[in-house]
Amino acid sequence: MKIIPHKYYSPKTAFILVFFITIFLQKTFAQSSDSIANPINKKKFKYILGAEFLAYSATMIGLNQLWYANYEREPFHFFDDNAEWNQMDKIGHFGSAYYLGYMQLKIMKNCGYTSKKSMFLGGSTGLIFLTSVEIFDGFSKGWGASTGDVIANTAGYLFLVAQELAWKEQRVMLKFSMTPSPYAKYRPDLMGKNFQEQLLKDYNAQTYWLSVNLGSFMKSHPRFPKWLNVAAGYGADGMTGAEVNSTADSYGNLNPIFNRSRQYYLSLDLDLHRIKTKKVWVNILLQTIGFIKIPFPTLEFNTDKGFVFHALKF
């Protein structure tokens, strides 16, 4: 049985993660007070912007040479993949656009730029980067730019901007967690052969969260923990194919029959961005890993199994 390459079975996901991490590392060079009274440090921002431009250029060149150059080109066109993977990939685009924009917004604020400039210019970083990837897809034969991806990327940016306009801070964060699934072994070509690949490719293993900071809505109660969040999550299970499950692996062996389902979660979380210590390196670490959902007891509703309680959900 021949496996046709799928749009998301590509090194581009890894490149997105590399660029994602690069943006986080820039936080090291942007450490300063969050006070709006900071003078604009254009020199520092130029260094950061230069590093990001190099990362962006390297990513685009790498994508073109290592992936897209291997496939035929054709006039720009769109591709409808909205029914695939129970929309987990769309939430991933939403979260990537949001968090890339959020980190650039923070960098610009720390360099002394106004909230408005930081929001509209810095916040668009994720949207710009992910739109560039969609353009590559649009000229690649066999796929095309995804309308769903474009909408999700834009929604992630607007979600960031809306909170800045409403509260001048992010009270609802997008977060991510991952637990290896039992399904990747049936389609390792598509979902990854090891943990590193499965982290990016196996949508069964991923969970995306909306983590709401309670303290930011309870400022009249200053003793309430500023770092305590309530999180609502979404995941999917039982998927060995994009729209329908594959009946055989790449070697022709029959796969078991799995029920595809959606998972909805309710849990607690920690907002690491609001935890401040006296150690600069600790603060940088907390800022860098702040997009990861902290494990807590969790209530799940599964469309196939009903309610399930997890003593500790990763």
C-alpha atoms as a PDB file:
ATOM      1  CA  MET A   1       0.000   0.000   0.000  1.00  0.00           C
ATOM      2  CA  LYS A   2       1.468   3.305  -1.030  1.00  0.00           C
ATOM      3  CA  ILE A   3       1.175   6.147   1.440  1.00  0.00           C
ATOM      4  CA  ILE A   4       0.537   9.528  -0.147  1.00  0.00           C
ATOM      5  CA  PRO A   5       2.403  12.296   1.694  1.00  0.00           C
ATOM      6  CA  HIS A   6       0.040  14.371   3.780  1.00  0.00           C
ATOM      7  CA  LYS A   7       0.327  18.106   4.126  1.00  0.00           C
ATOM      8  CA  TYR A   8       1.255  17.851   7.807  1.00  0.00           C
ATOM      9  CA  TYR A   9       3.709  15.021   7.329  1.00  0.00           C
ATOM     10  CA  SER A  10       6.611  17.330   6.622  1.00  0.00           C
ATOM     11  CA  PRO A  11       9.654  18.966   8.224  1.00  0.00           C
ATOM     12  CA  LYS A  12       7.822  22.287   8.187  1.00  0.00           C
ATOM     13  CA  THR A  13       6.292  21.528  11.585  1.00  0.00           C
ATOM     14  CA  ALA A  14       9.764  21.100  13.041  1.00  0.00           C
ATOM     15  CA  PHE A  15      10.890  24.367  11.480  1.00  0.00           C
ATOM     16  CA  ILE A  16       7.903  26.131  13.017  1.00  0.00           C
ATOM     17  CA  LEU A  17       8.928  24.761  16.404  1.00  0.00           C
ATOM     18  CA  VAL A  18      12.545  25.893  15.905  1.00  0.00           C
ATOM     19  CA  PHE A  19      11.421  29.411  15.064  1.00  0.00           C
ATOM     20  CA  PHE A  20       8.973  29.271  17.975  1.00  0.00           C
ATOM     21  CA  ILE A  21      11.778  28.413  20.404  1.00  0.00           C
ATOM     22  CA  THR A  22      14.034  31.069  18.882  1.00  0.00           C
ATOM     23  CA  ILE A  23      11.470  33.746  19.690  1.00  0.00           C
ATOM     24  CA  PHE A  24      11.346  32.508  23.274  1.00  0.00           C
ATOM     25  CA  LEU A  25      15.107  32.669  23.589  1.00  0.00           C
ATOM     26  CA  GLN A  26      15.050  36.314  22.586  1.00  0.00           C
ATOM     27  CA  LYS A  27      13.418  36.902  25.965  1.00  0.00           C
ATOM     28  CA  THR A  28      16.916  36.552  27.410  1.00  0.00           C
ATOM     29  CA  PHE A  29      17.972  39.761  25.668  1.00  0.00           C
ATOM     30  CA  ALA A  30      14.806  41.647  26.515  1.00  0.00           C
ATOM     31  CA  GLN A  31      14.805  41.380  30.284  1.00  0.00           C
ATOM     32  CA  SER A  32      13.708  44.587  31.941  1.00  0.00           C
ATOM     33  CA  SER A  33      10.840  45.995  33.904  1.00  0.00           C
ATOM     34  CA  ASP A  34       7.365  45.772  32.367  1.00  0.00           C
ATOM     35  CA  SER A  35       6.702  49.354  33.391  1.00  0.00           C
ATOM     36  CA  ILE A  36       5.258  51.559  30.658  1.00  0.00           C
ATOM     37  CA  ALA A  37       7.676  54.297  31.794  1.00  0.00           C
ATOM     38  CA  ASN A  38      10.681  52.489  30.303  1.00  0.00           C
ATOM     39  CA  PRO A  39      12.580  54.584  27.717  1.00  0.00           C
ATOM     40  CA  ILE A  40      12.673  53.047  24.246  1.00  0.00           C
ATOM     41  CA  ASN A  41      15.831  51.000  23.784  1.00  0.00           C
ATOM     42  CA  LYS A  42      16.081  50.914  19.991  1.00  0.00           C
ATOM     43  CA  LYS A  43      19.579  49.446  20.016  1.00  0.00           C
ATOM     44  CA  LYS A  44      18.524  46.398  22.009  1.00  0.00           C
ATOM     45  CA  PHE A  45      15.436  45.926  19.879  1.00  0.00           C
ATOM     46  CA  LYS A  46      17.498  46.090  16.675  1.00  0.00           C
ATOM     47  CA  TYR A  47      19.730  43.273  17.949  1.00  0.00           C
ATOM     48  CA  ILE A  48      16.688  41.168  18.757  1.00  0.00           C
ATOM     49  CA  LEU A  49      15.015  41.971  15.445  1.00  0.00           C
ATOM     50  CA  GLY A  50      18.204  41.064  13.601  1.00  0.00           C
ATOM     51  CA  ALA A  51      18.391  37.679  15.315  1.00  0.00           C
ATOM     52  CA  GLU A  52      14.736  37.017  14.525  1.00  0.00           C
ATOM     53  CA  PHE A  53      15.182  38.019  10.882  1.00  0.00           C
ATOM     54  CA  LEU A  54      18.079  35.568  10.548  1.00  0.00           C
ATOM     55  CA  ALA A  55      15.961  32.820  12.130  1.00  0.00           C
ATOM     56  CA  TYR A  56      13.049  33.635   9.834  1.00  0.00           C
ATOM     57  CA  SER A  57      15.273  33.666   6.715  1.00  0.00           C
ATOM     58  CA  ALA A  58      16.963  30.397   7.654  1.00  0.00           C
ATOM     59  CA  THR A  59      13.573  28.800   8.285  1.00  0.00           C
ATOM     60  CA  MET A  60      12.143  29.876   4.934  1.00  0.00           C
ATOM     61  CA  ILE A  61      15.237  28.781   3.016  1.00  0.00           C
ATOM     62  CA  GLY A  62      15.332  25.475   4.880  1.00  0.00           C
ATOM     63  CA  LEU A  63      11.661  24.792   4.191  1.00  0.00           C
ATOM     64  CA  ASN A  64      12.103  25.486   0.508  1.00  0.00           C
ATOM     65  CA  GLN A  65      15.239  23.367   0.072  1.00  0.00           C
ATOM     66  CA  LEU A  66      14.429  20.418   2.343  1.00  0.00           C
ATOM     67  CA  TRP A  67      10.734  19.999   1.638  1.00  0.00           C
ATOM     68  CA  TYR A  68       9.063  22.062  -1.089  1.00  0.00           C
ATOM     69  CA  ALA A  69      11.918  21.681  -3.617  1.00  0.00           C
ATOM     70  CA  ASN A  70      11.140  17.953  -3.728  1.00  0.00           C
ATOM     71  CA  TYR A  71       7.654  18.531  -5.148  1.00  0.00           C
ATOM     72  CA  GLU A  72       6.333  20.128  -8.306  1.00  0.00           C
ATOM     73  CA  ARG A  73       5.138  23.737  -8.256  1.00  0.00           C
ATOM     74  CA  GLU A  74       1.934  25.067  -9.773  1.00  0.00           C
ATOM     75  CA  PRO A  75      -0.054  28.337  -9.733  1.00  0.00           C
ATOM     76  CA  PHE A  76      -1.193  29.472  -6.303  1.00  0.00           C
ATOM     77  CA  HIS A  77      -4.316  27.641  -5.148  1.00  0.00           C
ATOM     78  CA  PHE A  78      -6.241  26.702  -2.014  1.00  0.00           C
ATOM     79  CA  PHE A  79      -6.813  23.301  -0.434  1.00  0.00           C
ATOM     80  CA  ASP A  80      -9.725  22.343   1.856  1.00  0.00           C
ATOM     81  CA  ASP A  81      -8.475  20.324   4.835  1.00  0.00           C
ATOM     82  CA  ASN A  82     -10.973  21.581   7.406  1.00  0.00           C
ATOM     83  CA  ALA A  83     -12.420  18.123   8.094  1.00  0.00           C
ATOM     84  CA  GLU A  84      -9.059  16.576   8.993  1.00  0.00           C
ATOM     85  CA  TRP A  85      -7.748  15.472  12.408  1.00  0.00           C
ATOM     86  CA  ASN A  86     -10.878  16.615  14.260  1.00  0.00           C
ATOM     87  CA  GLN A  87      -9.566  20.169  13.744  1.00  0.00           C
ATOM     88  CA  MET A  88      -6.609  19.621  16.092  1.00  0.00           C
ATOM     89  CA  ASP A  89      -4.249  21.043  13.474  1.00  0.00           C
ATOM     90  CA  LYS A  90      -6.350  24.210  13.252  1.00  0.00           C
ATOM     91  CA  ILE A  91      -6.107  24.758  17.003  1.00  0.00           C
ATOM     92  CA  GLY A  92      -2.355  24.265  16.674  1.00  0.00           C
ATOM     93  CA  HIS A  93      -2.221  27.081  14.110  1.00  0.00           C
ATOM     94  CA  PHE A  94      -4.347  29.275  16.371  1.00  0.00           C
ATOM     95  CA  GLY A  95      -2.017  28.650  19.311  1.00  0.00           C
ATOM     96  CA  SER A  96       1.186  29.152  17.309  1.00  0.00           C
ATOM     97  CA  ALA A  97       0.007  32.498  15.914  1.00  0.00           C
ATOM     98  CA  TYR A  98      -1.090  33.578  19.370  1.00  0.00           C
ATOM     99  CA  TYR A  99       2.073  32.657  21.241  1.00  0.00           C
ATOM    100  CA  LEU A 100       4.559  33.877  18.658  1.00  0.00           C
ATOM    101  CA  GLY A 101       2.719  37.194  18.690  1.00  0.00           C
ATOM    102  CA  TYR A 102       2.550  37.244  22.476  1.00  0.00           C
ATOM    103  CA  MET A 103       6.290  36.786  22.935  1.00  0.00           C
ATOM    104  CA  GLN A 104       7.107  39.499  20.390  1.00  0.00           C
ATOM    105  CA  LEU A 105       4.609  41.798  22.092  1.00  0.00           C
ATOM    106  CA  LYS A 106       6.374  41.203  25.418  1.00  0.00           C
ATOM    107  CA  ILE A 107       9.764  41.872  23.843  1.00  0.00           C
ATOM    108  CA  MET A 108       8.632  45.184  22.380  1.00  0.00           C
ATOM    109  CA  LYS A 109       7.071  46.266  25.673  1.00  0.00           C
ATOM    110  CA  ASN A 110      10.270  45.377  27.520  1.00  0.00           C
ATOM    111  CA  CYS A 111      12.196  47.477  25.009  1.00  0.00           C
ATOM    112  CA  GLY A 112      10.028  50.450  25.906  1.00  0.00           C
ATOM    113  CA  TYR A 113       7.546  50.539  23.035  1.00  0.00           C
ATOM    114  CA  THR A 114       3.946  51.528  23.695  1.00  0.00           C
ATOM    115  CA  SER A 115       1.260  48.941  24.257  1.00  0.00           C
ATOM    116  CA  LYS A 116      -0.403  49.929  20.979  1.00  0.00           C
ATOM    117  CA  LYS A 117       2.723  49.475  18.834  1.00  0.00           C
ATOM    118  CA  SER A 118       3.647  46.278  20.653  1.00  0.00           C
ATOM    119  CA  MET A 119       0.174  44.893  20.122  1.00  0.00           C
ATOM    120  CA  PHE A 120      -0.282  45.629  16.425  1.00  0.00           C
ATOM    121  CA  LEU A 121       3.319  45.237  15.231  1.00  0.00           C
ATOM    122  CA  GLY A 122       4.801  42.691  17.609  1.00  0.00           C
ATOM    123  CA  GLY A 123       1.547  40.779  17.921  1.00  0.00           C
ATOM    124  CA  SER A 124       1.422  40.152  14.168  1.00  0.00           C
ATOM    125  CA  THR A 125       4.691  38.153  14.203  1.00  0.00           C
ATOM    126  CA  GLY A 126       2.988  34.766  14.362  1.00  0.00           C
ATOM    127  CA  LEU A 127       0.471  35.707  11.687  1.00  0.00           C
ATOM    128  CA  ILE A 128       3.227  36.877   9.321  1.00  0.00           C
ATOM    129  CA  PHE A 129       5.364  33.791   9.836  1.00  0.00           C
ATOM    130  CA  LEU A 130       2.549  31.275   9.443  1.00  0.00           C
ATOM    131  CA  THR A 131       1.154  33.114   6.416  1.00  0.00           C
ATOM    132  CA  SER A 132       4.575  32.730   4.768  1.00  0.00           C
ATOM    133  CA  VAL A 133       4.314  28.966   5.246  1.00  0.00           C
ATOM    134  CA  GLU A 134       0.818  28.971   3.722  1.00  0.00           C
ATOM    135  CA  ILE A 135       2.178  30.759   0.652  1.00  0.00           C
ATOM    136  CA  PHE A 136       4.701  27.952   0.177  1.00  0.00           C
ATOM    137  CA  ASP A 137       1.845  25.446   0.455  1.00  0.00           C
ATOM    138  CA  GLY A 138      -0.209  27.423  -2.042  1.00  0.00           C
ATOM    139  CA  PHE A 139       2.380  26.969  -4.789  1.00  0.00           C
ATOM    140  CA  SER A 140       3.027  23.288  -4.017  1.00  0.00           C
ATOM    141  CA  LYS A 141       1.326  20.706  -6.238  1.00  0.00           C
ATOM    142  CA  GLY A 142      -0.879  18.234  -4.404  1.00  0.00           C
ATOM    143  CA  TRP A 143      -1.827  20.535  -1.530  1.00  0.00           C
ATOM    144  CA  GLY A 144      -2.418  24.249  -1.506  1.00  0.00           C
ATOM    145  CA  ALA A 145      -2.912  27.017   0.993  1.00  0.00           C
ATOM    146  CA  SER A 146      -5.472  26.051   3.596  1.00  0.00           C
ATOM    147  CA  THR A 147      -8.375  28.428   4.141  1.00  0.00           C
ATOM    148  CA  GLY A 148      -8.850  26.884   7.579  1.00  0.00           C
ATOM    149  CA  ASP A 149      -5.214  27.529   8.480  1.00  0.00           C
ATOM    150  CA  VAL A 150      -5.458  31.149   7.334  1.00  0.00           C
ATOM    151  CA  ILE A 151      -8.583  31.662   9.445  1.00  0.00           C
ATOM    152  CA  ALA A 152      -6.988  29.966  12.468  1.00  0.00           C
ATOM    153  CA  ASN A 153      -3.784  32.024  12.149  1.00  0.00           C
ATOM    154  CA  THR A 154      -5.792  35.236  11.944  1.00  0.00           C
ATOM    155  CA  ALA A 155      -8.004  34.220  14.867  1.00  0.00           C
ATOM    156  CA  GLY A 156      -4.922  33.587  17.029  1.00  0.00           C
ATOM    157  CA  TYR A 157      -3.667  37.092  16.307  1.00  0.00           C
ATOM    158  CA  LEU A 158      -7.072  38.679  16.938  1.00  0.00           C
ATOM    159  CA  PHE A 159      -7.409  36.763  20.215  1.00  0.00           C
ATOM    160  CA  LEU A 160      -4.166  38.368  21.364  1.00  0.00           C
ATOM    161  CA  VAL A 161      -5.189  41.850  20.206  1.00  0.00           C
ATOM    162  CA  ALA A 162      -8.670  41.622  21.730  1.00  0.00           C
ATOM    163  CA  GLN A 163      -7.270  40.953  25.193  1.00  0.00           C
ATOM    164  CA  GLU A 164      -4.760  43.781  24.921  1.00  0.00           C
ATOM    165  CA  LEU A 165      -7.527  46.174  23.886  1.00  0.00           C
ATOM    166  CA  ALA A 166      -9.848  44.993  26.654  1.00  0.00           C
ATOM    167  CA  TRP A 167      -7.423  44.570  29.561  1.00  0.00           C
ATOM    168  CA  LYS A 168      -3.915  45.603  28.393  1.00  0.00           C
ATOM    169  CA  GLU A 169      -2.779  42.127  29.453  1.00  0.00           C
ATOM    170  CA  GLN A 170      -3.358  38.485  28.567  1.00  0.00           C
ATOM    171  CA  ARG A 171      -5.790  37.002  31.069  1.00  0.00           C
ATOM    172  CA  VAL A 172      -6.551  33.917  28.958  1.00  0.00           C
ATOM    173  CA  MET A 173      -3.469  32.073  27.727  1.00  0.00           C
ATOM    174  CA  LEU A 174      -3.193  29.364  25.081  1.00  0.00           C
ATOM    175  CA  LYS A 175      -1.348  26.352  26.472  1.00  0.00           C
ATOM    176  CA  PHE A 176      -0.140  22.961  25.263  1.00  0.00           C
ATOM    177  CA  SER A 177       0.429  19.516  26.771  1.00  0.00           C
ATOM    178  CA  MET A 178       1.364  16.138  25.342  1.00  0.00           C
ATOM    179  CA  THR A 179       1.039  12.493  26.416  1.00  0.00           C
ATOM    180  CA  PRO A 180       2.313   9.808  23.990  1.00  0.00           C
ATOM    181  CA  SER A 181      -0.581   7.924  22.419  1.00  0.00           C
ATOM    182  CA  PRO A 182      -0.828   4.201  21.547  1.00  0.00           C
ATOM    183  CA  TYR A 183      -1.741   4.982  17.930  1.00  0.00           C
ATOM    184  CA  ALA A 184       1.539   6.257  16.499  1.00  0.00           C
ATOM    185  CA  LYS A 185       2.939   2.726  16.215  1.00  0.00           C
ATOM    186  CA  TYR A 186       0.273   1.906  13.629  1.00  0.00           C
ATOM    187  CA  ARG A 187       1.223   4.869  11.413  1.00  0.00           C
ATOM    188  CA  PRO A 188       4.796   5.838  12.368  1.00  0.00           C
ATOM    189  CA  ASP A 189       5.289   7.267   8.865  1.00  0.00           C
ATOM    190  CA  LEU A 190       2.513   9.764   9.549  1.00  0.00           C
ATOM    191  CA  MET A 191       2.571  10.244  13.335  1.00  0.00           C
ATOM    192  CA  GLY A 192       6.243   9.802  14.188  1.00  0.00           C
ATOM    193  CA  LYS A 193       8.712   7.065  14.999  1.00  0.00           C
ATOM    194  CA  ASN A 194       9.930   8.499  18.308  1.00  0.00           C
ATOM    195  CA  PHE A 195       8.907  10.935  21.029  1.00  0.00           C
ATOM    196  CA  GLN A 196      10.378  13.975  19.274  1.00  0.00           C
ATOM    197  CA  GLU A 197       8.461  13.290  16.058  1.00  0.00           C
ATOM    198  CA  GLN A 198       5.258  12.323  17.866  1.00  0.00           C
ATOM    199  CA  LEU A 199       5.391  15.572  19.835  1.00  0.00           C
ATOM    200  CA  LEU A 200       4.839  17.408  16.548  1.00  0.00           C
ATOM    201  CA  LYS A 201       2.944  14.925  14.378  1.00  0.00           C
ATOM    202  CA  ASP A 202       0.640  12.827  16.579  1.00  0.00           C
ATOM    203  CA  TYR A 203      -2.548  14.827  17.118  1.00  0.00           C
ATOM    204  CA  ASN A 204      -3.866  12.048  19.392  1.00  0.00           C
ATOM    205  CA  ALA A 205      -1.117  12.914  21.860  1.00  0.00           C
ATOM    206  CA  GLN A 206      -1.685  16.667  21.955  1.00  0.00           C
ATOM    207  CA  THR A 207      -4.020  18.745  24.110  1.00  0.00           C
ATOM    208  CA  TYR A 208      -4.635  22.471  23.726  1.00  0.00           C
ATOM    209  CA  TRP A 209      -5.864  24.562  26.642  1.00  0.00           C
ATOM    210  CA  LEU A 210      -7.471  27.916  27.344  1.00  0.00           C
ATOM    211  CA  SER A 211      -5.958  28.825  30.707  1.00  0.00           C
ATOM    212  CA  VAL A 212      -7.855  31.598  32.514  1.00  0.00           C
ATOM    213  CA  ASN A 213      -6.083  33.617  35.190  1.00  0.00           C
ATOM    214  CA  LEU A 214      -8.599  34.029  38.020  1.00  0.00           C
ATOM    215  CA  GLY A 215      -6.638  36.632  39.966  1.00  0.00           C
ATOM    216  CA  SER A 216      -6.726  39.109  37.076  1.00  0.00           C
ATOM    217  CA  PHE A 217     -10.536  39.090  37.336  1.00  0.00           C
ATOM    218  CA  MET A 218     -10.446  39.383  41.140  1.00  0.00           C
ATOM    219  CA  LYS A 219      -8.267  42.452  41.672  1.00  0.00           C
ATOM    220  CA  SER A 220     -10.520  43.535  44.531  1.00  0.00           C
ATOM    221  CA  HIS A 221      -9.185  40.466  46.375  1.00  0.00           C
ATOM    222  CA  PRO A 222      -5.396  41.071  46.427  1.00  0.00           C
ATOM    223  CA  ARG A 223      -4.697  37.968  48.539  1.00  0.00           C
ATOM    224  CA  PHE A 224      -6.013  35.640  45.863  1.00  0.00           C
ATOM    225  CA  PRO A 225      -3.045  33.844  44.201  1.00  0.00           C
ATOM    226  CA  LYS A 226      -2.045  35.711  41.048  1.00  0.00           C
ATOM    227  CA  TRP A 227      -0.615  32.551  39.510  1.00  0.00           C
ATOM    228  CA  LEU A 228      -3.664  30.270  39.835  1.00  0.00           C
ATOM    229  CA  ASN A 229      -5.593  29.457  36.650  1.00  0.00           C
ATOM    230  CA  VAL A 230      -8.575  27.384  35.577  1.00  0.00           C
ATOM    231  CA  ALA A 231      -8.037  25.592  32.266  1.00  0.00           C
ATOM    232  CA  ALA A 232     -10.409  24.168  29.657  1.00  0.00           C
ATOM    233  CA  GLY A 233      -8.786  21.770  27.189  1.00  0.00           C
ATOM    234  CA  TYR A 234      -9.533  20.073  23.880  1.00  0.00           C
ATOM    235  CA  GLY A 235      -8.041  16.925  22.389  1.00  0.00           C
ATOM    236  CA  ALA A 236      -8.866  14.075  20.018  1.00  0.00           C
ATOM    237  CA  ASP A 237      -8.383  10.321  20.181  1.00  0.00           C
ATOM    238  CA  GLY A 238      -8.398   7.191  18.024  1.00  0.00           C
ATOM    239  CA  MET A 239      -7.132   8.848  14.825  1.00  0.00           C
ATOM    240  CA  THR A 240      -4.862   6.899  12.469  1.00  0.00           C
ATOM    241  CA  GLY A 241      -5.756   8.957   9.413  1.00  0.00           C
ATOM    242  CA  ALA A 242      -6.596  12.537   8.560  1.00  0.00           C
ATOM    243  CA  GLU A 243     -10.343  12.249   7.836  1.00  0.00           C
ATOM    244  CA  VAL A 244     -10.934   8.511   8.228  1.00  0.00           C
ATOM    245  CA  ASN A 245      -8.836   5.881   9.942  1.00  0.00           C
ATOM    246  CA  SER A 246      -6.383   3.917   7.842  1.00  0.00           C
ATOM    247  CA  THR A 247      -7.163   0.206   7.504  1.00  0.00           C
ATOM    248  CA  ALA A 248      -3.507  -0.713   6.955  1.00  0.00           C
ATOM    249  CA  ASP A 249      -0.039   0.610   7.730  1.00  0.00           C
ATOM    250  CA  SER A 250       2.644   1.490   5.163  1.00  0.00           C
ATOM    251  CA  TYR A 251       3.658  -2.198   4.948  1.00  0.00           C
ATOM    252  CA  GLY A 252       0.162  -3.466   4.193  1.00  0.00           C
ATOM    253  CA  ASN A 253      -0.501  -4.862   7.684  1.00  0.00           C
ATOM    254  CA  LEU A 254      -4.077  -4.471   8.874  1.00  0.00           C
ATOM    255  CA  ASN A 255      -4.695  -1.903  11.611  1.00  0.00           C
ATOM    256  CA  PRO A 256      -7.097  -2.421  14.531  1.00  0.00           C
ATOM    257  CA  ILE A 257     -10.373  -0.526  14.350  1.00  0.00           C
ATOM    258  CA  PHE A 258     -10.402   2.542  16.618  1.00  0.00           C
ATOM    259  CA  ASN A 259     -13.290   4.868  17.397  1.00  0.00           C
ATOM    260  CA  ARG A 260     -12.451   8.488  16.654  1.00  0.00           C
ATOM    261  CA  SER A 261     -13.521  10.792  19.465  1.00  0.00           C
ATOM    262  CA  ARG A 262     -13.203  14.300  20.842  1.00  0.00           C
ATOM    263  CA  GLN A 263     -12.023  15.054  24.362  1.00  0.00           C
ATOM    264  CA  TYR A 264     -12.985  18.029  26.528  1.00  0.00           C
ATOM    265  CA  TYR A 265     -11.132  18.769  29.763  1.00  0.00           C
ATOM    266  CA  LEU A 266     -11.527  20.889  32.901  1.00  0.00           C
ATOM    267  CA  SER A 267      -8.516  21.368  35.173  1.00  0.00           C
ATOM    268  CA  LEU A 268      -6.393  23.773  37.208  1.00  0.00           C
ATOM    269  CA  ASP A 269      -3.170  25.367  35.959  1.00  0.00           C
ATOM    270  CA  LEU A 270      -0.363  27.741  36.928  1.00  0.00           C
ATOM    271  CA  ASP A 271       0.408  30.991  35.118  1.00  0.00           C
ATOM    272  CA  LEU A 272       4.213  30.892  35.153  1.00  0.00           C
ATOM    273  CA  HIS A 273       4.405  34.346  33.545  1.00  0.00           C
ATOM    274  CA  ARG A 274       3.053  35.861  36.761  1.00  0.00           C
ATOM    275  CA  ILE A 275       5.571  34.171  39.062  1.00  0.00           C
ATOM    276  CA  LYS A 276       8.538  36.451  39.801  1.00  0.00           C
ATOM    277  CA  THR A 277      11.723  35.419  41.611  1.00  0.00           C
ATOM    278  CA  LYS A 278      14.984  37.133  42.525  1.00  0.00           C
ATOM    279  CA  LYS A 279      16.892  34.961  40.046  1.00  0.00           C
ATOM    280  CA  VAL A 280      16.935  36.340  36.496  1.00  0.00           C
ATOM    281  CA  TRP A 281      17.609  32.932  34.946  1.00  0.00           C
ATOM    282  CA  VAL A 282      14.633  31.438  36.808  1.00  0.00           C
ATOM    283  CA  ASN A 283      12.373  34.207  35.523  1.00  0.00           C
ATOM    284  CA  ILE A 284      13.617  33.587  31.973  1.00  0.00           C
ATOM    285  CA  LEU A 285      12.949  29.869  32.344  1.00  0.00           C
ATOM    286  CA  LEU A 286       9.425  30.476  33.660  1.00  0.00           C
ATOM    287  CA  GLN A 287       8.703  32.845  30.764  1.00  0.00           C
ATOM    288  CA  THR A 288      10.109  30.381  28.235  1.00  0.00           C
ATOM    289  CA  ILE A 289       8.087  27.341  29.345  1.00  0.00           C
ATOM    290  CA  GLY A 290       4.976  29.348  30.194  1.00  0.00           C
ATOM    291  CA  PHE A 291       3.087  27.886  27.235  1.00  0.00           C
ATOM    292  CA  ILE A 292       3.136  24.385  28.792  1.00  0.00           C
ATOM    293  CA  LYS A 293       0.061  23.295  30.771  1.00  0.00           C
ATOM    294  CA  ILE A 294       1.046  22.227  34.296  1.00  0.00           C
ATOM    295  CA  PRO A 295      -0.266  18.729  35.229  1.00  0.00           C
ATOM    296  CA  PHE A 296      -3.223  18.719  37.645  1.00  0.00           C
ATOM    297  CA  PRO A 297      -6.176  16.458  38.454  1.00  0.00           C
ATOM    298  CA  THR A 298      -8.512  16.725  35.469  1.00  0.00           C
ATOM    299  CA  LEU A 299     -12.101  15.890  34.541  1.00  0.00           C
ATOM    300  CA  GLU A 300     -12.535  14.686  30.954  1.00  0.00           C
ATOM    301  CA  PHE A 301     -15.632  14.283  28.824  1.00  0.00           C
ATOM    302  CA  ASN A 302     -14.969  11.903  25.943  1.00  0.00           C
ATOM    303  CA  THR A 303     -17.538  11.678  23.135  1.00  0.00           C
ATOM    304  CA  ASP A 304     -16.897   7.904  22.980  1.00  0.00           C
ATOM    305  CA  LYS A 305     -16.333   6.957  26.646  1.00  0.00           C
ATOM    306  CA  GLY A 306     -18.235   9.620  28.567  1.00  0.00           C
ATOM    307  CA  PHE A 307     -16.790  11.165  31.731  1.00  0.00           C
ATOM    308  CA  VAL A 308     -13.294  10.129  32.829  1.00  0.00           C
ATOM    309  CA  PHE A 309     -11.308  11.412  35.830  1.00  0.00           C
ATOM    310  CA  HIS A 310      -7.513  11.721  35.654  1.00  0.00           C
ATOM    311  CA  ALA A 311      -5.626  11.929  38.953  1.00  0.00           C
ATOM    312  CA  LEU A 312      -2.910  13.773  37.009  1.00  0.00           C
ATOM    313  CA  LYS A 313      -3.337  14.878  33.405  1.00  0.00           C
ATOM    314  CA  PHE A 314      -0.322  15.825  31.312  1.00  0.00           C
END
